[in-house]
């Protein structure tokens, strides 16, 4: 289904599904800080980490092995039907 979904392995990456195609986004860095905002599943926006409950790892950390284009779209032909609808 179309909508916005949290990336299961990363707190700072979210997916937007449009017409069954998945687009991956990385939350931007907060103003005047050196870390990324995290995806807030309740408000559907990137938010301060202290306002988000997420125990997953962060994309871009030293333990991360998957690649997503930083703070921009990364196009994938993945099928979005596997994600639960958020809105």
PDB file of N, CA and C in Angstrom:
ATOM      1  N   UNK A   1       0.823  -1.210   0.000  1.00  0.00           N
ATOM      2  CA  UNK A   1       0.000   0.000   0.000  1.00  0.00           C
ATOM      3  C   UNK A   1       0.857   1.261   0.000  1.00  0.00           C
ATOM      4  N   UNK A   2       0.304   2.336  -0.482  1.00  0.00           N
ATOM      5  CA  UNK A   2       1.011   3.611  -0.463  1.00  0.00           C
ATOM      6  C   UNK A   2       1.025   4.173   0.954  1.00  0.00           C
ATOM      7  N   UNK A   3       2.051   4.965   1.270  1.00  0.00           N
ATOM      8  CA  UNK A   3       2.168   5.566   2.590  1.00  0.00           C
ATOM      9  C   UNK A   3       3.615   5.729   2.984  1.00  0.00           C
ATOM     10  N   UNK A   4       3.852   6.045   4.253  1.00  0.00           N
ATOM     11  CA  UNK A   4       5.191   6.253   4.793  1.00  0.00           C
ATOM     12  C   UNK A   4       5.420   5.240   5.900  1.00  0.00           C
ATOM     13  N   UNK A   5       6.613   4.615   5.897  1.00  0.00           N
ATOM     14  CA  UNK A   5       6.895   3.518   6.814  1.00  0.00           C
ATOM     15  C   UNK A   5       8.300   3.648   7.383  1.00  0.00           C
ATOM     16  N   UNK A   6       8.469   3.248   8.626  1.00  0.00           N
ATOM     17  CA  UNK A   6       9.787   3.210   9.254  1.00  0.00           C
ATOM     18  C   UNK A   6      10.619   2.116   8.612  1.00  0.00           C
ATOM     19  N   UNK A   7      11.901   2.402   8.392  1.00  0.00           N
ATOM     20  CA  UNK A   7      12.829   1.377   7.932  1.00  0.00           C
ATOM     21  C   UNK A   7      13.095   0.447   9.101  1.00  0.00           C
ATOM     22  N   UNK A   8      12.836  -0.828   8.938  1.00  0.00           N
ATOM     23  CA  UNK A   8      12.964  -1.742  10.071  1.00  0.00           C
ATOM     24  C   UNK A   8      14.354  -1.783  10.698  1.00  0.00           C
ATOM     25  N   UNK A   9      15.468  -1.721   9.948  1.00  0.00           N
ATOM     26  CA  UNK A   9      16.747  -1.796  10.655  1.00  0.00           C
ATOM     27  C   UNK A   9      17.293  -0.450  11.155  1.00  0.00           C
ATOM     28  N   UNK A  10      16.760   0.683  10.707  1.00  0.00           N
ATOM     29  CA  UNK A  10      17.366   1.972  11.033  1.00  0.00           C
ATOM     30  C   UNK A  10      16.346   2.970  11.578  1.00  0.00           C
ATOM     31  N   UNK A  11      16.744   3.708  12.615  1.00  0.00           N
ATOM     32  CA  UNK A  11      15.874   4.734  13.205  1.00  0.00           C
ATOM     33  C   UNK A  11      15.820   6.000  12.356  1.00  0.00           C
ATOM     34  N   UNK A  12      16.845   6.268  11.571  1.00  0.00           N
ATOM     35  CA  UNK A  12      16.930   7.521  10.830  1.00  0.00           C
ATOM     36  C   UNK A  12      16.633   7.377   9.338  1.00  0.00           C
ATOM     37  N   UNK A  13      16.043   6.258   8.931  1.00  0.00           N
ATOM     38  CA  UNK A  13      15.672   6.025   7.532  1.00  0.00           C
ATOM     39  C   UNK A  13      14.197   5.657   7.490  1.00  0.00           C
ATOM     40  N   UNK A  14      13.479   6.209   6.508  1.00  0.00           N
ATOM     41  CA  UNK A  14      12.076   5.842   6.334  1.00  0.00           C
ATOM     42  C   UNK A  14      11.800   5.606   4.856  1.00  0.00           C
ATOM     43  N   UNK A  15      10.710   4.914   4.570  1.00  0.00           N
ATOM     44  CA  UNK A  15      10.318   4.585   3.197  1.00  0.00           C
ATOM     45  C   UNK A  15       9.020   5.303   2.859  1.00  0.00           C
ATOM     46  N   UNK A  16       8.931   5.763   1.639  1.00  0.00           N
ATOM     47  CA  UNK A  16       7.674   6.306   1.118  1.00  0.00           C
ATOM     48  C   UNK A  16       7.286   5.444  -0.073  1.00  0.00           C
ATOM     49  N   UNK A  17       6.102   4.872  -0.014  1.00  0.00           N
ATOM     50  CA  UNK A  17       5.608   4.024  -1.089  1.00  0.00           C
ATOM     51  C   UNK A  17       4.600   4.803  -1.919  1.00  0.00           C
ATOM     52  N   UNK A  18       4.854   4.865  -3.230  1.00  0.00           N
ATOM     53  CA  UNK A  18       3.985   5.579  -4.154  1.00  0.00           C
ATOM     54  C   UNK A  18       3.688   4.660  -5.324  1.00  0.00           C
ATOM     55  N   UNK A  19       2.429   4.347  -5.526  1.00  0.00           N
ATOM     56  CA  UNK A  19       1.983   3.450  -6.595  1.00  0.00           C
ATOM     57  C   UNK A  19       2.756   2.140  -6.579  1.00  0.00           C
ATOM     58  N   UNK A  20       3.022   1.617  -5.387  1.00  0.00           N
ATOM     59  CA  UNK A  20       3.669   0.322  -5.246  1.00  0.00           C
ATOM     60  C   UNK A  20       5.184   0.342  -5.337  1.00  0.00           C
ATOM     61  N   UNK A  21       5.799   1.499  -5.607  1.00  0.00           N
ATOM     62  CA  UNK A  21       7.261   1.602  -5.662  1.00  0.00           C
ATOM     63  C   UNK A  21       7.762   2.235  -4.371  1.00  0.00           C
ATOM     64  N   UNK A  22       8.887   1.718  -3.850  1.00  0.00           N
ATOM     65  CA  UNK A  22       9.442   2.206  -2.594  1.00  0.00           C
ATOM     66  C   UNK A  22      10.584   3.175  -2.855  1.00  0.00           C
ATOM     67  N   UNK A  23      10.562   4.306  -2.160  1.00  0.00           N
ATOM     68  CA  UNK A  23      11.628   5.295  -2.192  1.00  0.00           C
ATOM     69  C   UNK A  23      12.161   5.416  -0.771  1.00  0.00           C
ATOM     70  N   UNK A  24      13.475   5.338  -0.606  1.00  0.00           N
ATOM     71  CA  UNK A  24      14.107   5.385   0.712  1.00  0.00           C
ATOM     72  C   UNK A  24      14.638   6.787   0.981  1.00  0.00           C
ATOM     73  N   UNK A  25      14.414   7.286   2.192  1.00  0.00           N
ATOM     74  CA  UNK A  25      14.879   8.599   2.613  1.00  0.00           C
ATOM     75  C   UNK A  25      15.641   8.476   3.925  1.00  0.00           C
ATOM     76  N   UNK A  26      16.633   9.323   4.082  1.00  0.00           N
ATOM     77  CA  UNK A  26      17.351   9.431   5.348  1.00  0.00           C
ATOM     78  C   UNK A  26      16.998  10.772   5.964  1.00  0.00           C
ATOM     79  N   UNK A  27      16.627  10.768   7.235  1.00  0.00           N
ATOM     80  CA  UNK A  27      16.319  12.028   7.914  1.00  0.00           C
ATOM     81  C   UNK A  27      17.555  12.929   7.908  1.00  0.00           C
ATOM     82  N   UNK A  28      17.324  14.215   7.765  1.00  0.00           N
ATOM     83  CA  UNK A  28      18.416  15.192   7.740  1.00  0.00           C
ATOM     84  C   UNK A  28      19.001  15.376   9.140  1.00  0.00           C
ATOM     85  N   UNK A  29      20.135  16.028   9.200  1.00  0.00           N
ATOM     86  CA  UNK A  29      20.720  16.386  10.491  1.00  0.00           C
ATOM     87  C   UNK A  29      19.907  17.521  11.095  1.00  0.00           C
ATOM     88  N   UNK A  30      19.853  17.536  12.425  1.00  0.00           N
ATOM     89  CA  UNK A  30      19.177  18.631  13.110  1.00  0.00           C
ATOM     90  C   UNK A  30      19.996  19.908  13.001  1.00  0.00           C
ATOM     91  N   UNK A  31      19.356  21.045  13.189  1.00  0.00           N
ATOM     92  CA  UNK A  31      20.064  22.328  13.140  1.00  0.00           C
ATOM     93  C   UNK A  31      21.091  22.420  14.258  1.00  0.00           C
ATOM     94  N   UNK A  32      22.310  22.790  13.911  1.00  0.00           N
ATOM     95  CA  UNK A  32      23.399  23.021  14.865  1.00  0.00           C
ATOM     96  C   UNK A  32      23.780  21.794  15.684  1.00  0.00           C
ATOM     97  N   UNK A  33      23.528  20.599  15.165  1.00  0.00           N
ATOM     98  CA  UNK A  33      23.945  19.366  15.831  1.00  0.00           C
ATOM     99  C   UNK A  33      24.628  18.469  14.808  1.00  0.00           C
ATOM    100  N   UNK A  34      25.364  17.493  15.294  1.00  0.00           N
ATOM    101  CA  UNK A  34      26.128  16.633  14.394  1.00  0.00           C
ATOM    102  C   UNK A  34      25.491  15.261  14.214  1.00  0.00           C
ATOM    103  N   UNK A  35      24.196  15.134  14.487  1.00  0.00           N
ATOM    104  CA  UNK A  35      23.541  13.836  14.350  1.00  0.00           C
ATOM    105  C   UNK A  35      22.220  13.980  13.592  1.00  0.00           C
ATOM    106  N   UNK A  36      21.790  12.855  13.013  1.00  0.00           N
ATOM    107  CA  UNK A  36      20.544  12.818  12.255  1.00  0.00           C
ATOM    108  C   UNK A  36      19.331  12.859  13.173  1.00  0.00           C
ATOM    109  N   UNK A  37      18.248  13.405  12.660  1.00  0.00           N
ATOM    110  CA  UNK A  37      16.959  13.252  13.308  1.00  0.00           C
ATOM    111  C   UNK A  37      16.488  11.817  13.080  1.00  0.00           C
ATOM    112  N   UNK A  38      15.498  11.367  13.817  1.00  0.00           N
ATOM    113  CA  UNK A  38      14.965  10.011  13.680  1.00  0.00           C
ATOM    114  C   UNK A  38      13.539  10.074  13.174  1.00  0.00           C
ATOM    115  N   UNK A  39      13.120   9.025  12.467  1.00  0.00           N
ATOM    116  CA  UNK A  39      11.753   8.973  11.966  1.00  0.00           C
ATOM    117  C   UNK A  39      10.789   8.712  13.120  1.00  0.00           C
ATOM    118  N   UNK A  40       9.801   9.592  13.253  1.00  0.00           N
ATOM    119  CA  UNK A  40       8.783   9.455  14.290  1.00  0.00           C
ATOM    120  C   UNK A  40       7.549   8.823  13.649  1.00  0.00           C
ATOM    121  N   UNK A  41       7.307   7.580  13.956  1.00  0.00           N
ATOM    122  CA  UNK A  41       6.216   6.814  13.358  1.00  0.00           C
ATOM    123  C   UNK A  41       4.843   7.365  13.759  1.00  0.00           C
ATOM    124  N   UNK A  42       4.750   8.026  14.906  1.00  0.00           N
ATOM    125  CA  UNK A  42       3.458   8.542  15.375  1.00  0.00           C
ATOM    126  C   UNK A  42       3.062   9.843  14.691  1.00  0.00           C
ATOM    127  N   UNK A  43       4.038  10.696  14.382  1.00  0.00           N
ATOM    128  CA  UNK A  43       3.742  11.983  13.761  1.00  0.00           C
ATOM    129  C   UNK A  43       4.082  12.025  12.273  1.00  0.00           C
ATOM    130  N   UNK A  44       4.737  10.970  11.762  1.00  0.00           N
ATOM    131  CA  UNK A  44       5.141  10.868  10.353  1.00  0.00           C
ATOM    132  C   UNK A  44       6.059  12.001   9.910  1.00  0.00           C
ATOM    133  N   UNK A  45       7.005  12.381  10.778  1.00  0.00           N
ATOM    134  CA  UNK A  45       8.027  13.374  10.445  1.00  0.00           C
ATOM    135  C   UNK A  45       9.348  12.957  11.085  1.00  0.00           C
ATOM    136  N   UNK A  46      10.447  13.493  10.571  1.00  0.00           N
ATOM    137  CA  UNK A  46      11.739  13.313  11.230  1.00  0.00           C
ATOM    138  C   UNK A  46      11.736  14.204  12.469  1.00  0.00           C
ATOM    139  N   UNK A  47      12.212  13.668  13.580  1.00  0.00           N
ATOM    140  CA  UNK A  47      12.050  14.341  14.870  1.00  0.00           C
ATOM    141  C   UNK A  47      13.326  14.173  15.694  1.00  0.00           C
ATOM    142  N   UNK A  48      13.419  14.903  16.796  1.00  0.00           N
ATOM    143  CA  UNK A  48      14.561  14.771  17.700  1.00  0.00           C
ATOM    144  C   UNK A  48      14.563  13.374  18.312  1.00  0.00           C
ATOM    145  N   UNK A  49      15.728  12.737  18.435  1.00  0.00           N
ATOM    146  CA  UNK A  49      15.796  11.373  18.992  1.00  0.00           C
ATOM    147  C   UNK A  49      15.152  11.234  20.365  1.00  0.00           C
ATOM    148  N   UNK A  50      15.197  12.270  21.190  1.00  0.00           N
ATOM    149  CA  UNK A  50      14.601  12.181  22.525  1.00  0.00           C
ATOM    150  C   UNK A  50      13.081  12.059  22.482  1.00  0.00           C
ATOM    151  N   UNK A  51      12.473  12.362  21.350  1.00  0.00           N
ATOM    152  CA  UNK A  51      11.018  12.273  21.206  1.00  0.00           C
ATOM    153  C   UNK A  51      10.565  10.993  20.509  1.00  0.00           C
ATOM    154  N   UNK A  52      11.522  10.142  20.134  1.00  0.00           N
ATOM    155  CA  UNK A  52      11.204   8.941  19.354  1.00  0.00           C
ATOM    156  C   UNK A  52      11.653   7.709  20.120  1.00  0.00           C
ATOM    157  N   UNK A  53      10.818   6.715  20.164  1.00  0.00           N
ATOM    158  CA  UNK A  53      11.204   5.441  20.769  1.00  0.00           C
ATOM    159  C   UNK A  53      11.655   4.501  19.657  1.00  0.00           C
ATOM    160  N   UNK A  54      12.950   4.301  19.553  1.00  0.00           N
ATOM    161  CA  UNK A  54      13.512   3.421  18.532  1.00  0.00           C
ATOM    162  C   UNK A  54      14.773   2.789  19.104  1.00  0.00           C
ATOM    163  N   UNK A  55      14.842   1.484  19.063  1.00  0.00           N
ATOM    164  CA  UNK A  55      16.013   0.772  19.584  1.00  0.00           C
ATOM    165  C   UNK A  55      16.860   0.188  18.464  1.00  0.00           C
ATOM    166  N   UNK A  56      16.527   0.508  17.213  1.00  0.00           N
ATOM    167  CA  UNK A  56      17.294   0.006  16.075  1.00  0.00           C
ATOM    168  C   UNK A  56      18.597   0.784  15.933  1.00  0.00           C
ATOM    169  N   UNK A  57      19.457   0.323  15.038  1.00  0.00           N
ATOM    170  CA  UNK A  57      20.705   1.036  14.781  1.00  0.00           C
ATOM    171  C   UNK A  57      20.436   2.237  13.879  1.00  0.00           C
ATOM    172  N   UNK A  58      21.440   3.075  13.689  1.00  0.00           N
ATOM    173  CA  UNK A  58      21.341   4.243  12.831  1.00  0.00           C
ATOM    174  C   UNK A  58      22.069   3.984  11.533  1.00  0.00           C
ATOM    175  N   UNK A  59      21.464   4.362  10.405  1.00  0.00           N
ATOM    176  CA  UNK A  59      22.161   4.270   9.134  1.00  0.00           C
ATOM    177  C   UNK A  59      23.313   5.258   9.160  1.00  0.00           C
ATOM    178  N   UNK A  60      24.465   4.834   8.672  1.00  0.00           N
ATOM    179  CA  UNK A  60      25.642   5.681   8.680  1.00  0.00           C
ATOM    180  C   UNK A  60      26.539   5.434   9.869  1.00  0.00           C
ATOM    181  N   UNK A  61      26.108   4.587  10.804  1.00  0.00           N
ATOM    182  CA  UNK A  61      26.960   4.256  11.944  1.00  0.00           C
ATOM    183  C   UNK A  61      28.010   3.252  11.502  1.00  0.00           C
ATOM    184  N   UNK A  62      28.974   2.993  12.323  1.00  0.00           N
ATOM    185  CA  UNK A  62      30.062   2.091  11.948  1.00  0.00           C
ATOM    186  C   UNK A  62      29.597   0.654  11.791  1.00  0.00           C
ATOM    187  N   UNK A  63      28.445   0.294  12.368  1.00  0.00           N
ATOM    188  CA  UNK A  63      27.949  -1.075  12.233  1.00  0.00           C
ATOM    189  C   UNK A  63      27.024  -1.239  11.036  1.00  0.00           C
ATOM    190  N   UNK A  64      26.707  -0.141  10.365  1.00  0.00           N
ATOM    191  CA  UNK A  64      25.800  -0.191   9.224  1.00  0.00           C
ATOM    192  C   UNK A  64      26.492  -0.785   8.006  1.00  0.00           C
ATOM    193  N   UNK A  65      25.830  -1.678   7.305  1.00  0.00           N
ATOM    194  CA  UNK A  65      26.409  -2.272   6.103  1.00  0.00           C
ATOM    195  C   UNK A  65      25.585  -1.978   4.865  1.00  0.00           C
ATOM    196  N   UNK A  66      24.356  -1.517   5.013  1.00  0.00           N
ATOM    197  CA  UNK A  66      23.477  -1.252   3.887  1.00  0.00           C
ATOM    198  C   UNK A  66      23.711   0.162   3.380  1.00  0.00           C
ATOM    199  N   UNK A  67      23.510   0.407   2.068  1.00  0.00           N
ATOM    200  CA  UNK A  67      23.732   1.736   1.517  1.00  0.00           C
ATOM    201  C   UNK A  67      22.415   2.401   1.148  1.00  0.00           C
ATOM    202  N   UNK A  68      22.253   3.646   1.560  1.00  0.00           N
ATOM    203  CA  UNK A  68      21.146   4.508   1.172  1.00  0.00           C
ATOM    204  C   UNK A  68      21.769   5.856   0.892  1.00  0.00           C
ATOM    205  N   UNK A  69      21.324   6.548  -0.165  1.00  0.00           N
ATOM    206  CA  UNK A  69      21.898   7.846  -0.478  1.00  0.00           C
ATOM    207  C   UNK A  69      21.582   8.823   0.641  1.00  0.00           C
ATOM    208  N   UNK A  70      22.593   9.504   1.112  1.00  0.00           N
ATOM    209  CA  UNK A  70      22.467  10.396   2.260  1.00  0.00           C
ATOM    210  C   UNK A  70      21.518  11.550   1.968  1.00  0.00           C
ATOM    211  N   UNK A  71      20.496  11.703   2.824  1.00  0.00           N
ATOM    212  CA  UNK A  71      19.562  12.821   2.797  1.00  0.00           C
ATOM    213  C   UNK A  71      18.939  13.056   1.431  1.00  0.00           C
ATOM    214  N   UNK A  72      18.734  12.007   0.656  1.00  0.00           N
ATOM    215  CA  UNK A  72      18.107  12.145  -0.652  1.00  0.00           C
ATOM    216  C   UNK A  72      17.404  10.850  -1.009  1.00  0.00           C
ATOM    217  N   UNK A  73      16.761  10.853  -2.159  1.00  0.00           N
ATOM    218  CA  UNK A  73      16.069   9.651  -2.617  1.00  0.00           C
ATOM    219  C   UNK A  73      17.049   8.573  -3.038  1.00  0.00           C
ATOM    220  N   UNK A  74      16.715   7.366  -2.735  1.00  0.00           N
ATOM    221  CA  UNK A  74      17.402   6.212  -3.299  1.00  0.00           C
ATOM    222  C   UNK A  74      16.295   5.375  -3.916  1.00  0.00           C
ATOM    223  N   UNK A  75      16.319   5.181  -5.225  1.00  0.00           N
ATOM    224  CA  UNK A  75      15.225   4.505  -5.900  1.00  0.00           C
ATOM    225  C   UNK A  75      15.436   3.008  -5.900  1.00  0.00           C
ATOM    226  N   UNK A  76      14.402   2.304  -5.481  1.00  0.00           N
ATOM    227  CA  UNK A  76      14.410   0.853  -5.485  1.00  0.00           C
ATOM    228  C   UNK A  76      13.128   0.389  -6.152  1.00  0.00           C
ATOM    229  N   UNK A  77      13.154  -0.756  -6.774  1.00  0.00           N
ATOM    230  CA  UNK A  77      11.957  -1.314  -7.374  1.00  0.00           C
ATOM    231  C   UNK A  77      11.309  -2.311  -6.433  1.00  0.00           C
ATOM    232  N   UNK A  78      11.480  -2.133  -5.150  1.00  0.00           N
ATOM    233  CA  UNK A  78      10.900  -3.040  -4.164  1.00  0.00           C
ATOM    234  C   UNK A  78       9.397  -2.876  -4.123  1.00  0.00           C
ATOM    235  N   UNK A  79       8.734  -3.952  -3.822  1.00  0.00           N
ATOM    236  CA  UNK A  79       7.283  -3.975  -3.763  1.00  0.00           C
ATOM    237  C   UNK A  79       6.826  -3.513  -2.391  1.00  0.00           C
ATOM    238  N   UNK A  80       5.962  -2.518  -2.333  1.00  0.00           N
ATOM    239  CA  UNK A  80       5.502  -1.959  -1.064  1.00  0.00           C
ATOM    240  C   UNK A  80       4.335  -2.719  -0.460  1.00  0.00           C
ATOM    241  N   UNK A  81       3.836  -3.731  -1.106  1.00  0.00           N
ATOM    242  CA  UNK A  81       2.677  -4.442  -0.573  1.00  0.00           C
ATOM    243  C   UNK A  81       2.984  -5.155   0.733  1.00  0.00           C
ATOM    244  N   UNK A  82       4.259  -5.311   1.085  1.00  0.00           N
ATOM    245  CA  UNK A  82       4.631  -6.007   2.317  1.00  0.00           C
ATOM    246  C   UNK A  82       4.519  -5.113   3.548  1.00  0.00           C
ATOM    247  N   UNK A  83       4.371  -3.800   3.364  1.00  0.00           N
ATOM    248  CA  UNK A  83       4.334  -2.864   4.487  1.00  0.00           C
ATOM    249  C   UNK A  83       2.902  -2.624   4.948  1.00  0.00           C
ATOM    250  N   UNK A  84       2.688  -2.473   6.251  1.00  0.00           N
ATOM    251  CA  UNK A  84       1.351  -2.106   6.732  1.00  0.00           C
ATOM    252  C   UNK A  84       1.060  -0.649   6.393  1.00  0.00           C
ATOM    253  N   UNK A  85      -0.168  -0.333   6.112  1.00  0.00           N
ATOM    254  CA  UNK A  85      -0.544   1.035   5.745  1.00  0.00           C
ATOM    255  C   UNK A  85      -0.516   1.932   6.983  1.00  0.00           C
ATOM    256  N   UNK A  86       0.111   3.125   6.876  1.00  0.00           N
ATOM    257  CA  UNK A  86       0.203   4.078   7.976  1.00  0.00           C
ATOM    258  C   UNK A  86      -0.838   5.185   7.809  1.00  0.00           C
ATOM    259  N   UNK A  87      -0.973   5.745   6.601  1.00  0.00           N
ATOM    260  CA  UNK A  87      -2.004   6.766   6.358  1.00  0.00           C
ATOM    261  C   UNK A  87      -2.489   6.656   4.943  1.00  0.00           C
TER     262      UNK A  87
END
